[in-house]
Amino acid sequence: MYVDGEPVRMQIAAMGDDADPLADGSGKTKIAWVSEYLLMDNHRMNPSNALGGWEKSEMRTYLRETIFPDIPAVIRGAIKEVTKYTKIFNVSGDVVNDVESTDTVWIPSYREVTGGSACETTGVVYTGLFSSADLRKKSKPGSASAVPWWTRSIHSSGVFYSITGEGNAIGNKPSRNLGVTLGFCT
């Protein structure tokens, strides 16, 4: 698959009973896919803060409006809308766990990547794909150096979780341009 003229290699994150729920409530997707490498272009989560979380993030809009239309039509036509869960800070500054969103393209959450419940307590965990810090390391295509990349989960009111070049989850200011791991379900 090519996005923005660059090849994107996808890997299976989950299948069957371990895959994501369809947004229409009719069952589960067949396969959840996550990019093996980061997209070529880094992107920020938001210009200044984490309020509103994933659902209100600039990153979500970027994936929906810029990346999704660039996915080849044959693949785009097979992508299913799924229910995703995310921890957010709402506009009042309150922590809200397990907020549902409907997405066609997404970046993984803290729970999906680490298996931990510090953020979301509901939703899938991609245990086979991200079972250790070494397996959470991601780089750009053609590079051997792992770099930080975003998750869609908030850490605090001004910070989203990211994964370091060493494969560990830490908080990062949303205005930083970090790596983007593309995910979708078929």
N, C-alpha and C. Protein backbone atom coordinates (compact mmCIF):
# COMPACT_ATOMS: atom_id res chain seq x y z
N MET A 1 0.83 -1.17 0.00
CA MET A 1 0.00 0.00 0.00
C MET A 1 0.88 1.24 0.00
N TYR A 2 0.43 2.29 -0.68
CA TYR A 2 1.14 3.56 -0.72
C TYR A 2 0.26 4.66 -0.13
N VAL A 3 0.86 5.52 0.68
CA VAL A 3 0.19 6.70 1.22
C VAL A 3 1.14 7.86 0.98
N ASP A 4 0.64 8.93 0.41
CA ASP A 4 1.47 10.08 0.04
C ASP A 4 2.63 9.64 -0.84
N GLY A 5 2.41 8.66 -1.69
CA GLY A 5 3.44 8.19 -2.60
C GLY A 5 4.50 7.32 -1.96
N GLU A 6 4.39 7.08 -0.67
CA GLU A 6 5.37 6.27 0.05
C GLU A 6 4.78 4.91 0.41
N PRO A 7 5.57 3.84 0.32
CA PRO A 7 5.05 2.52 0.69
C PRO A 7 4.78 2.44 2.19
N VAL A 8 3.66 1.80 2.54
CA VAL A 8 3.31 1.58 3.94
C VAL A 8 3.07 0.08 4.10
N ARG A 9 3.93 -0.57 4.89
CA ARG A 9 3.77 -2.00 5.15
C ARG A 9 2.92 -2.18 6.39
N MET A 10 1.84 -2.94 6.24
CA MET A 10 0.93 -3.17 7.35
C MET A 10 1.18 -4.57 7.92
N GLN A 11 0.94 -4.71 9.21
CA GLN A 11 1.06 -6.01 9.86
C GLN A 11 -0.21 -6.30 10.65
N ILE A 12 -0.50 -7.56 10.82
CA ILE A 12 -1.72 -7.95 11.54
C ILE A 12 -1.51 -7.73 13.04
N ALA A 13 -2.44 -6.97 13.64
CA ALA A 13 -2.40 -6.71 15.07
C ALA A 13 -3.33 -7.66 15.82
N ALA A 14 -4.45 -8.04 15.19
CA ALA A 14 -5.42 -8.93 15.83
C ALA A 14 -6.32 -9.52 14.75
N MET A 15 -6.87 -10.71 15.07
CA MET A 15 -7.80 -11.39 14.16
C MET A 15 -8.93 -12.01 14.96
N GLY A 16 -10.07 -12.21 14.29
CA GLY A 16 -11.18 -12.95 14.88
C GLY A 16 -11.67 -12.36 16.19
N ASP A 17 -11.77 -13.20 17.22
CA ASP A 17 -12.30 -12.77 18.51
C ASP A 17 -11.46 -11.69 19.19
N ASP A 18 -10.19 -11.58 18.80
CA ASP A 18 -9.31 -10.57 19.39
C ASP A 18 -9.36 -9.23 18.67
N ALA A 19 -10.11 -9.16 17.56
CA ALA A 19 -10.16 -7.94 16.75
C ALA A 19 -11.17 -6.94 17.31
N ASP A 20 -11.25 -5.80 16.68
CA ASP A 20 -12.08 -4.68 17.13
C ASP A 20 -13.56 -4.87 16.84
N PRO A 21 -14.42 -4.28 17.68
CA PRO A 21 -15.86 -4.34 17.42
C PRO A 21 -16.26 -3.38 16.29
N LEU A 22 -17.14 -3.85 15.42
CA LEU A 22 -17.67 -2.99 14.38
C LEU A 22 -18.52 -1.89 15.01
N ALA A 23 -18.45 -0.69 14.47
CA ALA A 23 -19.15 0.45 15.04
C ALA A 23 -20.67 0.28 15.00
N ASP A 24 -21.18 -0.51 14.04
CA ASP A 24 -22.63 -0.68 13.94
C ASP A 24 -23.16 -1.74 14.91
N GLY A 25 -22.27 -2.35 15.71
CA GLY A 25 -22.68 -3.33 16.70
C GLY A 25 -22.98 -4.71 16.16
N SER A 26 -22.66 -4.96 14.90
CA SER A 26 -23.00 -6.23 14.26
C SER A 26 -21.95 -7.34 14.46
N GLY A 27 -20.95 -7.10 15.26
CA GLY A 27 -19.92 -8.13 15.50
C GLY A 27 -18.54 -7.53 15.52
N LYS A 28 -17.57 -8.33 15.11
CA LYS A 28 -16.17 -7.89 15.12
C LYS A 28 -15.63 -7.85 13.70
N THR A 29 -14.57 -7.08 13.55
CA THR A 29 -13.89 -7.06 12.26
C THR A 29 -13.12 -8.37 12.10
N LYS A 30 -12.67 -8.63 10.92
CA LYS A 30 -11.88 -9.85 10.69
C LYS A 30 -10.43 -9.64 11.10
N ILE A 31 -9.87 -8.47 10.73
CA ILE A 31 -8.45 -8.22 10.99
C ILE A 31 -8.24 -6.76 11.37
N ALA A 32 -7.41 -6.54 12.39
CA ALA A 32 -6.92 -5.20 12.73
C ALA A 32 -5.49 -5.10 12.20
N TRP A 33 -5.20 -4.02 11.50
CA TRP A 33 -3.90 -3.79 10.90
C TRP A 33 -3.22 -2.58 11.53
N VAL A 34 -1.91 -2.65 11.73
CA VAL A 34 -1.12 -1.53 12.22
C VAL A 34 0.14 -1.46 11.36
N SER A 35 0.55 -0.25 11.00
CA SER A 35 1.73 -0.12 10.14
C SER A 35 2.98 -0.62 10.85
N GLU A 36 3.79 -1.33 10.09
CA GLU A 36 5.04 -1.85 10.64
C GLU A 36 6.02 -0.72 10.94
N TYR A 37 6.07 0.24 10.04
CA TYR A 37 6.92 1.41 10.20
C TYR A 37 6.04 2.64 10.38
N LEU A 38 6.64 3.70 10.85
CA LEU A 38 5.92 4.97 10.99
C LEU A 38 5.70 5.58 9.60
N LEU A 39 4.66 6.39 9.48
CA LEU A 39 4.48 7.15 8.25
C LEU A 39 5.68 8.07 8.08
N MET A 40 5.97 8.46 6.85
CA MET A 40 7.16 9.29 6.59
C MET A 40 7.11 10.64 7.29
N ASP A 41 5.92 11.25 7.34
CA ASP A 41 5.80 12.57 7.94
C ASP A 41 5.37 12.48 9.40
N ASN A 42 6.10 13.16 10.27
CA ASN A 42 5.68 13.31 11.66
C ASN A 42 4.48 14.25 11.71
N HIS A 43 3.76 14.21 12.80
CA HIS A 43 2.62 15.12 12.96
C HIS A 43 2.40 15.37 14.45
N ARG A 44 1.81 16.50 14.76
CA ARG A 44 1.47 16.81 16.16
C ARG A 44 0.08 16.28 16.48
N MET A 45 -0.20 16.09 17.75
CA MET A 45 -1.54 15.69 18.18
C MET A 45 -2.48 16.89 18.14
N ASN A 46 -2.02 18.01 18.66
CA ASN A 46 -2.80 19.24 18.75
C ASN A 46 -1.84 20.42 18.80
N PRO A 47 -2.33 21.62 18.49
CA PRO A 47 -1.45 22.78 18.57
C PRO A 47 -0.98 23.12 19.99
N SER A 48 -1.86 22.88 21.02
CA SER A 48 -1.45 23.35 22.34
C SER A 48 -1.79 22.44 23.51
N ASN A 49 -2.93 21.75 23.52
CA ASN A 49 -3.29 20.99 24.72
C ASN A 49 -3.96 19.68 24.36
N ALA A 50 -4.33 18.93 25.39
CA ALA A 50 -4.95 17.61 25.18
C ALA A 50 -6.44 17.61 25.48
N LEU A 51 -7.03 18.77 25.75
CA LEU A 51 -8.44 18.82 26.09
C LEU A 51 -9.29 18.30 24.93
N GLY A 52 -10.27 17.48 25.26
CA GLY A 52 -11.11 16.86 24.24
C GLY A 52 -10.54 15.54 23.75
N GLY A 53 -9.27 15.28 24.06
CA GLY A 53 -8.66 14.00 23.73
C GLY A 53 -8.62 13.68 22.25
N TRP A 54 -8.57 12.38 21.97
CA TRP A 54 -8.47 11.86 20.61
C TRP A 54 -9.58 12.39 19.71
N GLU A 55 -10.80 12.36 20.20
CA GLU A 55 -11.94 12.70 19.36
C GLU A 55 -11.87 14.13 18.83
N LYS A 56 -11.28 15.04 19.59
CA LYS A 56 -11.17 16.44 19.19
C LYS A 56 -9.77 16.80 18.68
N SER A 57 -8.91 15.82 18.49
CA SER A 57 -7.52 16.11 18.16
C SER A 57 -7.31 16.45 16.68
N GLU A 58 -6.32 17.25 16.46
CA GLU A 58 -5.88 17.56 15.10
C GLU A 58 -5.38 16.29 14.40
N MET A 59 -4.75 15.40 15.16
CA MET A 59 -4.23 14.15 14.59
C MET A 59 -5.37 13.32 13.98
N ARG A 60 -6.47 13.21 14.67
CA ARG A 60 -7.61 12.44 14.16
C ARG A 60 -8.13 13.05 12.86
N THR A 61 -8.24 14.36 12.82
CA THR A 61 -8.67 15.05 11.60
C THR A 61 -7.68 14.82 10.47
N TYR A 62 -6.39 14.91 10.77
CA TYR A 62 -5.34 14.67 9.78
C TYR A 62 -5.45 13.27 9.18
N LEU A 63 -5.65 12.27 10.02
CA LEU A 63 -5.77 10.90 9.52
C LEU A 63 -7.03 10.73 8.66
N ARG A 64 -8.13 11.30 9.10
CA ARG A 64 -9.40 11.17 8.37
C ARG A 64 -9.41 11.94 7.06
N GLU A 65 -8.86 13.16 7.07
CA GLU A 65 -8.99 14.04 5.91
C GLU A 65 -7.79 14.01 4.97
N THR A 66 -6.63 13.64 5.46
CA THR A 66 -5.43 13.64 4.61
C THR A 66 -4.95 12.23 4.29
N ILE A 67 -4.83 11.38 5.29
CA ILE A 67 -4.28 10.04 5.07
C ILE A 67 -5.31 9.09 4.48
N PHE A 68 -6.52 9.01 5.05
CA PHE A 68 -7.53 8.06 4.57
C PHE A 68 -7.82 8.21 3.07
N PRO A 69 -8.04 9.43 2.56
CA PRO A 69 -8.31 9.54 1.12
C PRO A 69 -7.15 9.11 0.24
N ASP A 70 -5.94 9.10 0.77
CA ASP A 70 -4.76 8.71 -0.02
C ASP A 70 -4.52 7.19 -0.01
N ILE A 71 -5.24 6.46 0.82
CA ILE A 71 -5.14 5.00 0.82
C ILE A 71 -5.76 4.49 -0.48
N PRO A 72 -5.12 3.55 -1.17
CA PRO A 72 -5.69 3.05 -2.43
C PRO A 72 -7.15 2.63 -2.27
N ALA A 73 -7.96 2.93 -3.29
CA ALA A 73 -9.42 2.71 -3.24
C ALA A 73 -9.78 1.28 -2.91
N VAL A 74 -9.05 0.30 -3.43
CA VAL A 74 -9.38 -1.11 -3.17
C VAL A 74 -9.23 -1.44 -1.68
N ILE A 75 -8.26 -0.85 -1.02
CA ILE A 75 -8.07 -1.07 0.42
C ILE A 75 -9.06 -0.21 1.21
N ARG A 76 -9.19 1.04 0.81
CA ARG A 76 -10.12 1.96 1.49
C ARG A 76 -11.53 1.38 1.51
N GLY A 77 -11.94 0.74 0.43
CA GLY A 77 -13.27 0.15 0.35
C GLY A 77 -13.48 -1.02 1.29
N ALA A 78 -12.39 -1.66 1.73
CA ALA A 78 -12.48 -2.80 2.65
C ALA A 78 -12.39 -2.38 4.12
N ILE A 79 -12.01 -1.14 4.38
CA ILE A 79 -11.83 -0.67 5.76
C ILE A 79 -13.19 -0.47 6.42
N LYS A 80 -13.31 -0.97 7.64
CA LYS A 80 -14.55 -0.92 8.42
C LYS A 80 -14.48 0.15 9.51
N GLU A 81 -15.62 0.76 9.80
CA GLU A 81 -15.71 1.65 10.95
C GLU A 81 -15.76 0.80 12.21
N VAL A 82 -14.94 1.17 13.18
CA VAL A 82 -14.88 0.42 14.43
C VAL A 82 -15.09 1.35 15.62
N THR A 83 -15.42 0.75 16.75
CA THR A 83 -15.51 1.48 18.00
C THR A 83 -14.16 1.41 18.69
N LYS A 84 -13.63 2.57 19.02
CA LYS A 84 -12.37 2.66 19.75
C LYS A 84 -12.63 3.32 21.09
N TYR A 85 -11.82 3.01 22.08
CA TYR A 85 -11.95 3.55 23.43
C TYR A 85 -10.69 4.32 23.78
N THR A 86 -10.88 5.44 24.46
CA THR A 86 -9.75 6.31 24.78
C THR A 86 -10.01 7.06 26.07
N LYS A 87 -8.95 7.30 26.83
CA LYS A 87 -9.03 8.16 28.02
C LYS A 87 -8.82 9.60 27.55
N ILE A 88 -9.69 10.51 28.04
CA ILE A 88 -9.57 11.92 27.64
C ILE A 88 -9.69 12.84 28.85
N PHE A 89 -9.34 14.09 28.66
CA PHE A 89 -9.72 15.18 29.54
C PHE A 89 -10.77 15.96 28.77
N ASN A 90 -11.96 16.10 29.34
CA ASN A 90 -13.00 16.84 28.62
C ASN A 90 -12.73 18.34 28.72
N VAL A 91 -13.57 19.13 28.08
CA VAL A 91 -13.34 20.57 28.04
C VAL A 91 -13.43 21.22 29.42
N SER A 92 -14.03 20.53 30.39
CA SER A 92 -14.05 21.03 31.77
C SER A 92 -12.79 20.64 32.53
N GLY A 93 -11.93 19.84 31.90
CA GLY A 93 -10.70 19.41 32.55
C GLY A 93 -10.84 18.15 33.38
N ASP A 94 -11.98 17.46 33.27
CA ASP A 94 -12.22 16.22 34.01
C ASP A 94 -11.70 15.01 33.24
N VAL A 95 -11.16 14.03 33.95
CA VAL A 95 -10.71 12.78 33.34
C VAL A 95 -11.93 11.92 33.04
N VAL A 96 -11.99 11.39 31.83
CA VAL A 96 -13.06 10.48 31.45
C VAL A 96 -12.41 9.28 30.78
N ASN A 97 -12.59 8.10 31.37
CA ASN A 97 -12.02 6.88 30.81
C ASN A 97 -12.99 6.25 29.82
N ASP A 98 -12.44 5.48 28.90
CA ASP A 98 -13.22 4.64 27.98
C ASP A 98 -14.25 5.42 27.16
N VAL A 99 -13.84 6.59 26.67
CA VAL A 99 -14.70 7.37 25.77
C VAL A 99 -14.71 6.67 24.42
N GLU A 100 -15.90 6.44 23.88
CA GLU A 100 -16.04 5.76 22.60
C GLU A 100 -15.93 6.75 21.44
N SER A 101 -15.27 6.32 20.38
CA SER A 101 -15.29 7.06 19.12
C SER A 101 -15.47 6.05 18.00
N THR A 102 -15.94 6.51 16.88
CA THR A 102 -16.09 5.68 15.70
C THR A 102 -15.02 6.10 14.71
N ASP A 103 -14.18 5.16 14.32
CA ASP A 103 -13.05 5.51 13.46
C ASP A 103 -12.84 4.50 12.34
N THR A 104 -12.36 5.01 11.20
CA THR A 104 -11.93 4.16 10.09
C THR A 104 -10.41 4.02 10.12
N VAL A 105 -9.72 5.11 10.39
CA VAL A 105 -8.26 5.09 10.56
C VAL A 105 -7.97 5.69 11.92
N TRP A 106 -6.90 5.22 12.57
CA TRP A 106 -6.61 5.62 13.93
C TRP A 106 -5.14 5.35 14.23
N ILE A 107 -4.72 5.83 15.39
CA ILE A 107 -3.43 5.42 15.95
C ILE A 107 -3.75 4.62 17.20
N PRO A 108 -2.88 3.68 17.57
CA PRO A 108 -3.18 2.83 18.73
C PRO A 108 -3.28 3.63 20.04
N SER A 109 -4.01 3.07 20.99
CA SER A 109 -4.14 3.67 22.32
C SER A 109 -3.07 3.08 23.26
N TYR A 110 -2.96 3.70 24.42
CA TYR A 110 -2.06 3.21 25.47
C TYR A 110 -2.38 1.75 25.78
N ARG A 111 -3.66 1.44 25.99
CA ARG A 111 -4.06 0.06 26.33
C ARG A 111 -3.72 -0.91 25.21
N GLU A 112 -4.02 -0.54 23.96
CA GLU A 112 -3.75 -1.43 22.83
C GLU A 112 -2.27 -1.76 22.71
N VAL A 113 -1.42 -0.79 23.03
CA VAL A 113 0.03 -0.95 22.88
C VAL A 113 0.68 -1.60 24.09
N THR A 114 0.31 -1.17 25.30
CA THR A 114 1.00 -1.66 26.49
C THR A 114 0.26 -2.77 27.22
N GLY A 115 -1.05 -2.89 26.98
CA GLY A 115 -1.85 -3.85 27.73
C GLY A 115 -2.23 -3.33 29.10
N GLY A 116 -1.74 -2.15 29.45
CA GLY A 116 -1.99 -1.59 30.77
C GLY A 116 -3.34 -0.93 30.88
N SER A 117 -3.79 -0.71 32.11
CA SER A 117 -5.09 -0.10 32.35
C SER A 117 -4.97 1.28 32.98
N ALA A 118 -3.82 1.93 32.84
CA ALA A 118 -3.65 3.28 33.39
C ALA A 118 -4.52 4.29 32.66
N CYS A 119 -4.95 3.95 31.48
CA CYS A 119 -5.81 4.85 30.68
C CYS A 119 -7.15 4.17 30.44
N GLU A 120 -7.24 3.42 29.38
CA GLU A 120 -8.48 2.74 29.05
C GLU A 120 -8.57 1.41 29.79
N THR A 121 -9.80 1.04 30.15
CA THR A 121 -10.00 -0.27 30.77
C THR A 121 -10.87 -1.15 29.89
N THR A 122 -11.30 -0.62 28.76
CA THR A 122 -12.15 -1.32 27.80
C THR A 122 -11.46 -1.29 26.44
N GLY A 123 -11.71 -2.31 25.64
CA GLY A 123 -11.17 -2.34 24.29
C GLY A 123 -10.13 -3.43 24.12
N VAL A 124 -9.71 -3.58 22.89
CA VAL A 124 -8.77 -4.64 22.54
C VAL A 124 -7.37 -4.33 23.04
N VAL A 125 -6.55 -5.36 23.12
CA VAL A 125 -5.13 -5.24 23.42
C VAL A 125 -4.41 -6.03 22.34
N TYR A 126 -3.48 -5.38 21.69
CA TYR A 126 -2.72 -6.05 20.62
C TYR A 126 -1.48 -6.71 21.22
N THR A 127 -1.73 -7.74 22.05
CA THR A 127 -0.67 -8.37 22.83
C THR A 127 0.42 -9.00 21.98
N GLY A 128 0.06 -9.65 20.91
CA GLY A 128 1.08 -10.29 20.09
C GLY A 128 2.00 -9.32 19.40
N LEU A 129 1.45 -8.20 18.98
CA LEU A 129 2.21 -7.22 18.22
C LEU A 129 3.10 -6.35 19.11
N PHE A 130 2.64 -6.02 20.31
CA PHE A 130 3.34 -5.07 21.18
C PHE A 130 3.67 -5.67 22.54
N SER A 131 4.01 -6.94 22.63
CA SER A 131 4.16 -7.62 23.91
C SER A 131 5.39 -7.23 24.72
N SER A 132 6.29 -6.44 24.16
CA SER A 132 7.48 -6.01 24.91
C SER A 132 7.92 -4.63 24.41
N ALA A 133 8.75 -3.98 25.18
CA ALA A 133 9.27 -2.67 24.77
C ALA A 133 10.00 -2.78 23.43
N ASP A 134 10.75 -3.85 23.23
CA ASP A 134 11.45 -4.03 21.95
C ASP A 134 10.48 -4.07 20.78
N LEU A 135 9.33 -4.71 20.96
CA LEU A 135 8.35 -4.82 19.88
C LEU A 135 7.55 -3.53 19.68
N ARG A 136 7.63 -2.60 20.64
CA ARG A 136 6.96 -1.31 20.50
C ARG A 136 7.84 -0.28 19.79
N LYS A 137 9.10 -0.58 19.59
CA LYS A 137 10.00 0.35 18.89
C LYS A 137 9.59 0.44 17.43
N LYS A 138 9.55 1.68 16.92
CA LYS A 138 9.20 1.90 15.52
C LYS A 138 10.15 2.91 14.90
N SER A 139 10.38 2.73 13.62
CA SER A 139 11.26 3.64 12.88
C SER A 139 10.58 4.03 11.57
N LYS A 140 11.21 4.93 10.86
CA LYS A 140 10.75 5.32 9.53
C LYS A 140 11.22 4.25 8.54
N PRO A 141 10.52 4.10 7.42
CA PRO A 141 10.98 3.13 6.41
C PRO A 141 12.42 3.45 5.98
N GLY A 142 13.25 2.42 5.89
CA GLY A 142 14.63 2.58 5.48
C GLY A 142 15.59 3.03 6.56
N SER A 143 15.10 3.22 7.79
CA SER A 143 15.95 3.65 8.90
C SER A 143 15.97 2.56 9.96
N ALA A 144 17.11 2.41 10.60
CA ALA A 144 17.23 1.43 11.69
C ALA A 144 17.02 2.08 13.06
N SER A 145 16.92 3.40 13.09
CA SER A 145 16.81 4.13 14.36
C SER A 145 15.36 4.29 14.78
N ALA A 146 15.02 3.76 15.94
CA ALA A 146 13.67 3.91 16.48
C ALA A 146 13.48 5.35 16.96
N VAL A 147 12.27 5.87 16.75
CA VAL A 147 11.95 7.24 17.15
C VAL A 147 10.61 7.26 17.90
N PRO A 148 10.35 8.32 18.66
CA PRO A 148 9.08 8.41 19.40
C PRO A 148 7.87 8.50 18.46
N TRP A 149 6.77 7.90 18.93
CA TRP A 149 5.52 7.97 18.16
C TRP A 149 4.33 8.08 19.11
N TRP A 150 3.24 8.66 18.59
CA TRP A 150 2.06 8.96 19.39
C TRP A 150 1.15 7.76 19.63
N THR A 151 0.47 7.77 20.80
CA THR A 151 -0.73 6.96 21.01
C THR A 151 -1.89 7.97 21.08
N ARG A 152 -3.12 7.51 21.04
CA ARG A 152 -4.25 8.43 21.08
C ARG A 152 -4.73 8.72 22.51
N SER A 153 -4.07 8.18 23.51
CA SER A 153 -4.49 8.33 24.91
C SER A 153 -3.83 9.53 25.57
N ILE A 154 -4.60 10.22 26.42
CA ILE A 154 -4.03 11.34 27.15
C ILE A 154 -3.33 10.85 28.41
N HIS A 155 -2.36 11.61 28.82
CA HIS A 155 -1.61 11.37 30.05
C HIS A 155 -2.11 12.32 31.13
N SER A 156 -2.28 13.59 30.77
CA SER A 156 -2.80 14.62 31.66
C SER A 156 -3.45 15.70 30.78
N SER A 157 -3.91 16.78 31.38
CA SER A 157 -4.66 17.77 30.62
C SER A 157 -3.84 18.43 29.51
N GLY A 158 -2.53 18.45 29.63
CA GLY A 158 -1.69 19.07 28.61
C GLY A 158 -0.77 18.10 27.91
N VAL A 159 -1.02 16.78 28.05
CA VAL A 159 -0.05 15.79 27.57
C VAL A 159 -0.76 14.54 27.04
N PHE A 160 -0.27 14.02 25.92
CA PHE A 160 -0.71 12.72 25.39
C PHE A 160 0.40 11.71 25.64
N TYR A 161 0.04 10.43 25.72
CA TYR A 161 1.06 9.38 25.80
C TYR A 161 1.72 9.19 24.44
N SER A 162 3.00 8.94 24.48
CA SER A 162 3.74 8.55 23.29
C SER A 162 4.61 7.35 23.67
N ILE A 163 5.17 6.73 22.65
CA ILE A 163 6.09 5.61 22.86
C ILE A 163 7.48 6.09 22.49
N THR A 164 8.43 5.92 23.38
CA THR A 164 9.79 6.39 23.15
C THR A 164 10.52 5.51 22.14
N GLY A 165 11.69 5.96 21.72
CA GLY A 165 12.54 5.16 20.85
C GLY A 165 13.00 3.88 21.52
N GLU A 166 12.87 3.80 22.84
CA GLU A 166 13.21 2.59 23.59
C GLU A 166 11.99 1.68 23.78
N GLY A 167 10.81 2.14 23.35
CA GLY A 167 9.60 1.32 23.43
C GLY A 167 8.80 1.49 24.70
N ASN A 168 9.07 2.54 25.47
CA ASN A 168 8.35 2.79 26.72
C ASN A 168 7.32 3.91 26.55
N ALA A 169 6.23 3.86 27.31
CA ALA A 169 5.20 4.88 27.25
C ALA A 169 5.55 6.03 28.17
N ILE A 170 5.50 7.26 27.65
CA ILE A 170 5.71 8.47 28.45
C ILE A 170 4.77 9.56 27.94
N GLY A 171 4.61 10.61 28.73
CA GLY A 171 3.80 11.75 28.30
C GLY A 171 4.61 12.70 27.43
N ASN A 172 3.93 13.33 26.47
CA ASN A 172 4.57 14.29 25.59
C ASN A 172 3.60 15.43 25.30
N LYS A 173 4.14 16.63 25.14
CA LYS A 173 3.31 17.77 24.79
C LYS A 173 2.69 17.56 23.42
N PRO A 174 1.41 17.84 23.25
CA PRO A 174 0.72 17.55 21.99
C PRO A 174 1.22 18.36 20.80
N SER A 175 1.95 19.44 21.05
CA SER A 175 2.44 20.27 19.94
C SER A 175 3.71 19.71 19.30
N ARG A 176 4.29 18.67 19.88
CA ARG A 176 5.51 18.06 19.31
C ARG A 176 5.16 17.24 18.08
N ASN A 177 5.99 17.31 17.09
CA ASN A 177 5.83 16.49 15.88
C ASN A 177 6.54 15.16 16.11
N LEU A 178 5.73 14.11 16.32
CA LEU A 178 6.27 12.77 16.55
C LEU A 178 5.78 11.83 15.45
N GLY A 179 6.28 10.60 15.48
CA GLY A 179 5.90 9.60 14.50
C GLY A 179 4.44 9.21 14.59
N VAL A 180 3.94 8.71 13.45
CA VAL A 180 2.53 8.33 13.34
C VAL A 180 2.46 6.87 12.89
N THR A 181 1.80 6.03 13.69
CA THR A 181 1.56 4.64 13.37
C THR A 181 0.11 4.50 12.89
N LEU A 182 -0.08 4.13 11.65
CA LEU A 182 -1.41 4.03 11.07
C LEU A 182 -2.08 2.71 11.45
N GLY A 183 -3.34 2.77 11.80
CA GLY A 183 -4.12 1.57 12.07
C GLY A 183 -5.47 1.63 11.39
N PHE A 184 -5.98 0.45 10.99
CA PHE A 184 -7.33 0.33 10.47
C PHE A 184 -7.75 -1.13 10.55
N CYS A 185 -9.04 -1.39 10.35
CA CYS A 185 -9.57 -2.74 10.42
C CYS A 185 -10.30 -3.08 9.12
N THR A 186 -10.22 -4.37 8.75
CA THR A 186 -10.94 -4.85 7.57
C THR A 186 -11.84 -6.00 7.98
